[in-house]
Structure formats: structure tokens, C-alpha cells
Protein backbone atom coordinates (compact mmCIF):
# COMPACT_ATOMS: atom_id res chain seq x y z
CA MET A 1 22.68 131.51 156.34
CA GLN A 2 20.08 130.10 154.05
CA ASN A 3 22.32 130.72 151.06
CA PHE A 4 25.14 128.93 152.83
CA LYS A 5 22.98 125.80 153.42
CA SER A 6 22.04 125.72 149.77
CA HIS A 7 25.61 124.68 148.96
CA PHE A 8 25.15 121.43 150.89
CA THR A 9 21.77 120.53 149.55
CA PHE A 10 21.99 117.94 146.74
CA SER A 11 19.45 116.37 144.54
CA LYS A 12 19.01 112.59 144.37
CA GLN A 13 21.00 112.37 141.11
CA GLN A 14 23.82 114.42 142.58
CA ARG A 15 23.97 112.20 145.67
CA ASN A 16 24.11 109.10 143.47
CA GLY A 17 26.94 110.63 141.45
CA ILE A 18 28.94 111.46 144.58
CA PHE A 19 28.43 107.95 145.89
CA LEU A 20 29.57 106.42 142.60
CA LEU A 21 32.65 108.64 142.60
CA LEU A 22 33.61 107.50 146.09
CA ILE A 23 33.21 103.86 145.08
CA LEU A 24 35.48 104.38 142.05
CA ILE A 25 38.12 106.08 144.19
CA VAL A 26 38.10 103.16 146.62
CA ILE A 27 38.34 100.64 143.77
CA PHE A 28 41.32 102.42 142.14
CA GLN A 29 43.12 102.67 145.47
CA CYS A 30 42.69 98.95 146.02
CA VAL A 31 43.92 98.16 142.53
CA TYR A 32 46.98 100.42 143.05
CA PHE A 33 47.95 98.73 146.33
CA PHE A 34 47.11 95.12 145.59
CA VAL A 35 47.78 94.60 141.84
CA ASP A 36 51.39 94.03 140.68
CA PHE A 37 52.04 96.05 137.52
CA SER A 38 55.72 95.10 137.18
CA SER A 39 56.60 93.44 133.88
CA GLU A 40 57.97 89.95 133.65
CA ASP A 41 61.75 89.51 133.39
CA ILE A 42 63.00 89.68 129.81
CA GLN A 43 64.71 86.49 128.76
CA VAL A 44 68.04 87.15 127.00
CA ASN A 45 69.63 84.64 124.66
CA GLN A 46 73.20 84.86 125.92
CA LYS A 47 74.57 82.83 123.00
CA GLU A 48 73.08 85.18 120.40
CA LEU A 49 74.14 88.21 122.42
CA SER A 50 77.74 86.95 122.58
CA LYS A 51 77.75 86.31 118.84
CA PHE A 52 76.42 89.78 118.11
CA THR A 53 79.02 91.37 120.43
CA LYS A 54 81.85 89.56 118.64
CA GLU A 55 80.59 90.81 115.27
CA ILE A 56 80.53 94.38 116.59
CA ASP A 57 84.08 94.03 117.95
CA SER A 58 85.27 92.57 114.65
CA LEU A 59 83.81 95.46 112.67
CA ARG A 60 85.37 97.92 115.10
CA LEU A 61 88.82 96.35 114.62
CA VAL A 62 88.45 96.47 110.84
CA LYS A 63 87.56 100.15 111.05
CA LEU A 64 90.54 100.88 113.28
CA GLU A 65 92.83 99.04 110.86
CA GLU A 66 91.49 101.08 107.94
CA ASN A 67 92.12 104.32 109.82
CA LYS A 68 95.75 103.48 110.55
CA PRO A 69 98.26 105.51 108.47
CA LYS A 70 99.34 103.44 105.47
CA ILE A 71 103.04 102.92 104.73
CA TYR A 72 103.84 102.91 101.03
CA PRO A 73 106.98 101.28 99.58
CA PHE A 74 110.07 103.47 100.01
CA ASN A 75 113.83 103.38 99.54
CA PRO A 76 115.42 103.24 103.03
CA ASN A 77 118.39 105.24 101.74
CA PHE A 78 116.20 108.34 101.69
CA ILE A 79 114.66 108.16 105.17
CA THR A 80 114.48 111.64 106.70
CA ASP A 81 114.21 112.62 110.37
CA TYR A 82 110.43 112.91 110.06
CA LYS A 83 110.03 109.68 108.08
CA GLY A 84 112.21 107.79 110.55
CA SER A 85 110.25 109.01 113.57
CA THR A 86 106.93 107.99 111.98
CA LEU A 87 108.38 104.52 111.37
CA GLY A 88 109.31 104.22 115.04
CA MET A 89 113.08 104.70 114.74
CA THR A 90 114.96 106.45 117.55
CA ASN A 91 117.02 109.59 116.98
CA GLU A 92 120.23 107.59 117.38
CA GLU A 93 119.15 105.07 114.73
CA ILE A 94 118.24 107.87 112.30
CA ASP A 95 121.56 109.65 112.96
CA ARG A 96 123.50 106.46 112.17
CA LEU A 97 121.71 106.15 108.85
CA LEU A 98 122.28 109.81 107.91
CA ALA A 99 125.97 109.60 108.87
CA PHE A 100 126.34 106.51 106.68
CA ARG A 101 124.71 108.25 103.70
CA LYS A 102 126.92 111.34 104.12
CA GLN A 103 129.85 109.10 103.21
CA ASP A 104 128.20 108.60 99.79
CA LYS A 105 127.46 104.99 100.68
CA TRP A 106 124.26 103.14 99.87
CA ILE A 107 122.23 100.55 101.74
CA ASN A 108 121.43 97.66 99.42
CA SER A 109 119.77 95.09 101.69
CA THR A 110 117.58 94.71 104.76
CA LYS A 111 120.44 93.16 106.72
CA GLN A 112 122.74 96.05 105.87
CA PHE A 113 120.05 98.47 107.03
CA GLN A 114 119.99 96.79 110.45
CA ASP A 115 123.79 96.62 110.61
CA VAL A 116 124.03 100.37 109.98
CA THR A 117 121.10 101.63 112.07
CA LYS A 118 121.10 98.96 114.83
CA VAL A 119 117.28 98.83 114.81
CA SER A 120 115.61 96.03 116.77
CA ASP A 121 114.48 92.81 115.14
CA SER A 122 110.83 93.61 115.92
CA LEU A 123 110.97 97.04 114.27
CA LEU A 124 112.86 95.64 111.28
CA LYS A 125 110.22 92.94 110.87
CA THR A 126 107.53 95.65 110.80
CA ILE A 127 109.09 98.10 108.34
CA SER A 128 111.30 95.92 106.10
CA PRO A 129 108.36 94.59 104.00
CA HIS A 130 107.95 98.19 102.78
CA PHE A 131 111.57 98.57 101.63
CA LYS A 132 111.92 99.16 97.90
CA PHE A 133 115.44 99.00 96.52
CA PRO A 134 116.35 99.96 92.92
CA GLU A 135 115.93 97.29 90.28
CA TRP A 136 119.66 97.04 89.73
CA VAL A 137 119.95 95.99 93.40
CA THR A 138 117.02 93.56 93.57
CA ASN A 139 117.62 92.11 90.08
CA PRO A 140 121.30 92.62 89.29
CA LYS A 141 122.34 91.86 85.76
CA PRO A 142 124.68 88.90 85.36
CA LYS A 143 128.26 89.89 84.79
CA ASN A 144 130.17 88.66 81.79
CA ASN A 145 133.76 88.77 80.72
CA ALA A 146 133.19 91.92 78.69
CA SER A 147 131.72 93.88 81.61
CA TYR A 148 133.43 96.98 82.89
CA SER A 149 134.60 97.45 86.44
CA TYR A 150 134.04 101.09 87.37
CA SER A 151 135.60 102.39 90.58
CA ASN A 152 134.99 105.65 92.44
CA LYS A 153 138.39 106.95 91.42
CA PRO A 154 138.19 109.08 88.25
CA LYS A 155 140.22 107.86 85.31
CA PRO A 156 142.67 110.08 83.44
CA TYR A 157 141.38 111.60 80.20
CA ALA A 158 143.17 109.03 78.04
CA GLN A 159 141.45 106.10 79.78
CA LYS A 160 137.95 107.54 79.65
CA GLN A 161 135.52 106.47 76.94
CA ASP A 162 134.04 108.96 74.51
CA LEU A 163 130.57 110.03 75.66
CA ASN A 164 129.61 110.61 72.02
CA THR A 165 130.23 106.98 71.08
CA ALA A 166 129.22 105.19 74.28
CA THR A 167 126.52 102.54 73.93
CA ALA A 168 123.50 102.09 76.20
CA GLN A 169 125.01 98.89 77.61
CA GLN A 170 128.25 100.69 78.49
CA LEU A 171 126.39 103.54 80.18
CA GLN A 172 124.33 101.08 82.22
CA LYS A 173 127.49 99.87 83.93
CA ILE A 174 127.46 103.13 85.89
CA ASN A 175 125.86 102.81 89.32
CA GLY A 176 122.51 104.63 89.07
CA ILE A 177 122.13 104.37 85.29
CA GLY A 178 119.52 101.95 84.03
CA LYS A 179 117.81 101.46 80.71
CA VAL A 180 115.67 104.60 81.08
CA PHE A 181 118.56 106.97 81.79
CA SER A 182 120.89 105.43 79.20
CA ASP A 183 118.16 105.80 76.56
CA ARG A 184 117.62 109.44 77.56
CA ILE A 185 121.33 110.22 77.28
CA ILE A 186 121.58 108.67 73.82
CA LYS A 187 118.32 110.32 72.70
CA TYR A 188 119.64 113.73 73.79
CA ARG A 189 122.92 113.02 72.00
CA ASN A 190 121.17 112.07 68.78
CA LYS A 191 118.86 115.09 69.01
CA SER A 192 121.92 117.34 69.03
CA ASN A 193 122.85 116.22 65.47
CA GLY A 194 126.49 115.56 66.13
CA GLY A 195 126.52 114.68 69.79
CA PHE A 196 127.57 116.48 72.91
CA ILE A 197 129.70 119.60 72.86
CA ALA A 198 130.85 119.17 76.46
CA ASP A 199 130.18 116.99 79.52
CA VAL A 200 128.19 119.79 81.14
CA GLN A 201 125.30 119.11 78.74
CA LEU A 202 124.43 116.08 80.85
CA LEU A 203 122.70 118.62 83.10
CA ASP A 204 120.07 118.92 80.37
CA VAL A 205 119.20 115.21 80.48
CA TYR A 206 116.00 114.96 82.49
CA GLY A 207 116.29 113.12 85.81
CA LEU A 208 120.07 112.94 86.09
CA THR A 209 121.22 114.12 89.51
CA PRO A 210 124.60 115.82 90.07
CA GLU A 211 125.77 112.69 91.91
CA VAL A 212 125.00 110.42 88.95
CA ILE A 213 126.54 112.91 86.48
CA GLU A 214 129.71 112.89 88.55
CA LYS A 215 129.85 109.09 88.31
CA ILE A 216 129.38 109.26 84.54
CA THR A 217 132.14 111.81 84.02
CA LYS A 218 134.55 109.65 86.01
CA GLU A 219 134.33 107.06 83.23
CA PHE A 220 133.18 109.04 80.17
CA THR A 221 133.97 112.41 78.64
CA VAL A 222 133.35 114.16 75.34
CA LYS A 223 136.39 113.42 73.17
CA THR A 224 134.82 114.20 69.80
CA PRO A 225 132.78 117.36 70.50
CA LYS A 226 130.14 118.54 68.07
CA ASP A 227 131.44 121.33 65.82
CA ILE A 228 129.28 124.45 66.20
CA GLN A 229 129.37 128.05 65.04
CA LYS A 230 129.23 130.22 68.14
CA ILE A 231 126.90 133.22 68.17
CA ASN A 232 128.06 136.70 69.18
CA VAL A 233 125.76 137.65 72.04
CA ASN A 234 126.29 141.36 71.30
CA THR A 235 125.03 141.12 67.71
CA ALA A 236 122.71 138.11 67.77
CA THR A 237 119.13 138.45 66.57
CA ILE A 238 116.13 136.88 68.28
CA ASP A 239 115.95 134.16 65.61
CA GLU A 240 119.60 133.29 66.21
CA LEU A 241 119.25 133.19 70.00
CA VAL A 242 116.28 130.83 69.98
CA THR A 243 118.40 128.19 68.23
CA ILE A 244 120.33 127.85 71.51
CA PRO A 245 118.98 125.25 73.97
CA ASN A 246 117.06 126.70 76.94
CA ILE A 247 116.40 130.04 75.19
CA ASP A 248 112.88 130.78 73.95
CA TYR A 249 111.50 133.88 72.22
CA ASP A 250 110.60 135.68 75.44
CA LEU A 251 114.06 135.14 76.92
CA ALA A 252 115.73 136.15 73.62
CA HIS A 253 113.72 139.40 73.67
CA HIS A 254 114.83 140.09 77.25
CA ILE A 255 118.48 139.39 76.35
CA ILE A 256 118.43 141.90 73.49
CA GLU A 257 116.52 144.45 75.58
CA GLN A 258 119.11 144.18 78.36
CA ARG A 259 121.92 144.38 75.78
CA HIS A 260 120.63 147.77 74.59
CA LEU A 261 120.37 149.05 78.16
CA ARG A 262 123.94 147.96 78.93
CA GLU A 263 125.26 149.12 75.56
CA GLY A 264 126.59 145.62 75.04
CA TYR A 265 127.56 142.81 77.39
CA LYS A 266 131.02 142.94 78.96
CA THR A 267 130.96 139.32 80.17
CA ILE A 268 128.77 136.30 79.49
CA HIS A 269 127.97 136.16 83.20
CA GLU A 270 125.97 139.40 82.85
CA LEU A 271 123.27 137.31 81.19
CA THR A 272 122.28 136.09 84.66
CA LYS A 273 120.87 139.58 85.29
CA VAL A 274 118.41 139.18 82.42
CA LYS A 275 114.78 138.68 83.42
CA ASP A 276 113.76 134.98 83.65
CA PHE A 277 117.25 133.79 82.67
CA PRO A 278 117.82 130.14 83.77
CA VAL A 279 120.96 130.69 85.83
CA ASN A 280 121.54 126.97 86.34
CA LYS A 281 121.66 126.51 82.55
CA LEU A 282 124.35 129.17 81.96
CA PRO A 283 127.20 126.59 81.62
CA ILE A 284 125.25 124.99 78.75
CA ILE A 285 124.08 128.22 77.09
CA GLU A 286 127.55 129.76 77.06
CA LEU A 287 128.81 126.82 74.97
CA TYR A 288 126.96 128.39 72.04
CA LEU A 289 127.97 132.02 72.66
CA GLN A 290 130.97 134.19 72.17
CA LEU A 291 131.57 137.76 73.31
CA GLU A 292 132.61 140.40 70.80
CA LYS A 293 131.96 144.09 70.92
CA GLU A 294 129.26 145.34 68.58
CA ASN A 295 130.73 147.55 65.84
């Protein structure tokens, strides 16, 4: 019992400390209940805030504009299903354009594009600034009295001009032939040292499509073919074969190797079975070859 009382017996210093602690507790409680610790209202400059908000919105719009897919200049004659859908055209509008092109007709103006496809004025206004027509459409050359009128109907042989004597200006009268292509045709002709052997050599002129070649051959043909000495494919050496356009040393080696395996070629067409043979160039290559049995 005596030990228990000792827990409640304090010295003078301890009693003073307890009393001071109680006073502090009371003071803090009063401060907590009676003092307002809330902060004063923050004053916002609405004018500056509005200005800042507009700047943020402007930057956001610029960013959105930059992220939009860009439309580069294109020829509307070559719009595909996918290209048309990305431009906003309907399936019916795309089908009208494709049906028009299948007739081998060309769209040469913005108005004609709308007439054919029936697109709305709003869509036309959006996409037409990106139309890029060929130079011969946008800047047609003035016609003169000496100009040629070429129709789609092929001329008889007697009325066609000689491809080996045609000038660049005459070639440029063909729809789809400009200065670049006419220069390439004449350069190829001059490189051949005597001109073309046959019309089919136009396939070797870089960039000429079959459609453009067809238009050329309706008005021009080789009337004075280059005189050449044909090579016997069954006796030709590698050095002889490489003188033929589109045949290099590797292909010449394969041709001779295949010739030994076959014990001679029976037809020129058998060359298409040779490794790495350019099948699409066979009509040109066979101009320089003849087929005779090896003795």
C-alpha cells in the first residue's frame, strides 16, 4: 500500500511542471476554438486569366492542325478507292471516277472532275487546291498552222511518220509526251547508232507506259529500220551475247549453260527458262537473235 501511495507523491518541482502543463493545454484549446486560421480569399485577375486561357487554346489548336494528315498535290485521274475514302469521297463518287477512267478518258479540270464524280461543292472546295494536272494541261502549248492533229484512230502504215526521223517537236504532239520523254526517245535512238530496229524497242525507253507507247505507234512506226547482223543463239559466245541490249555477262553465261543442257535451243522462247532472264524484254532481245542448229 505504501508503494502504491508513492506513485502519487510529487516533489514541488514536479507539481509546478504538472501545473504548467495544464495551463498550456488550456491555452492551446482556447486558441484552437477561438482563433480563425483560415486564409484570406485569393484575388484572381480575371482579365489576365482569360488572356492566358486564350493563349493555351490557341496553342492547342495549332498543335491539332499540325497533327492533321497532310494532303500533298496529286493527279485526280489516279485516285484509288483508299485515296478517295481518305479525301471524303463516297463509294458512288469513286466508282463514277473509276468507270470514267476505264474508258481511257482523262479529267483535265476541276469542273470536269465534279461533272464526272458529282462531288459536293464543299468537298470540291476542300480537295481541289491539291489537284495537280500535267503541265501540258495547265500550260498548253499554243497551236500553229504546222501542228499535227492526232486522233485515237491508228493511221495506216503509209500515213504514219518514220520513228527514226521524227523530231522532238513532232513527238511532243502525242498526248502524254513532253520534252523529257521526247528527249529520251531521241537519245535512245541516237545511242543505237542507226536508230530503232522495230517499234517494240520503245519498251526500253525509261518511263514510257504501254498506254503512251500505243499512242505513239498510232502515229509513228519504224520505216527505216537499223540494219543489224543477227546472232545465232546456238553458237554465240559470251562476248557476242553481251552486245545485245538487256543481256549482261551473268545472263550470257546462264544462256550458254542452258544451251549445253538442252543440246541447243529449239525455239527463241526457250530463253525464258534461263535463270534471271528478263521475260518482258524478250521481244527486244529476239530482234538481235536468230535460231540455227549448231553444227
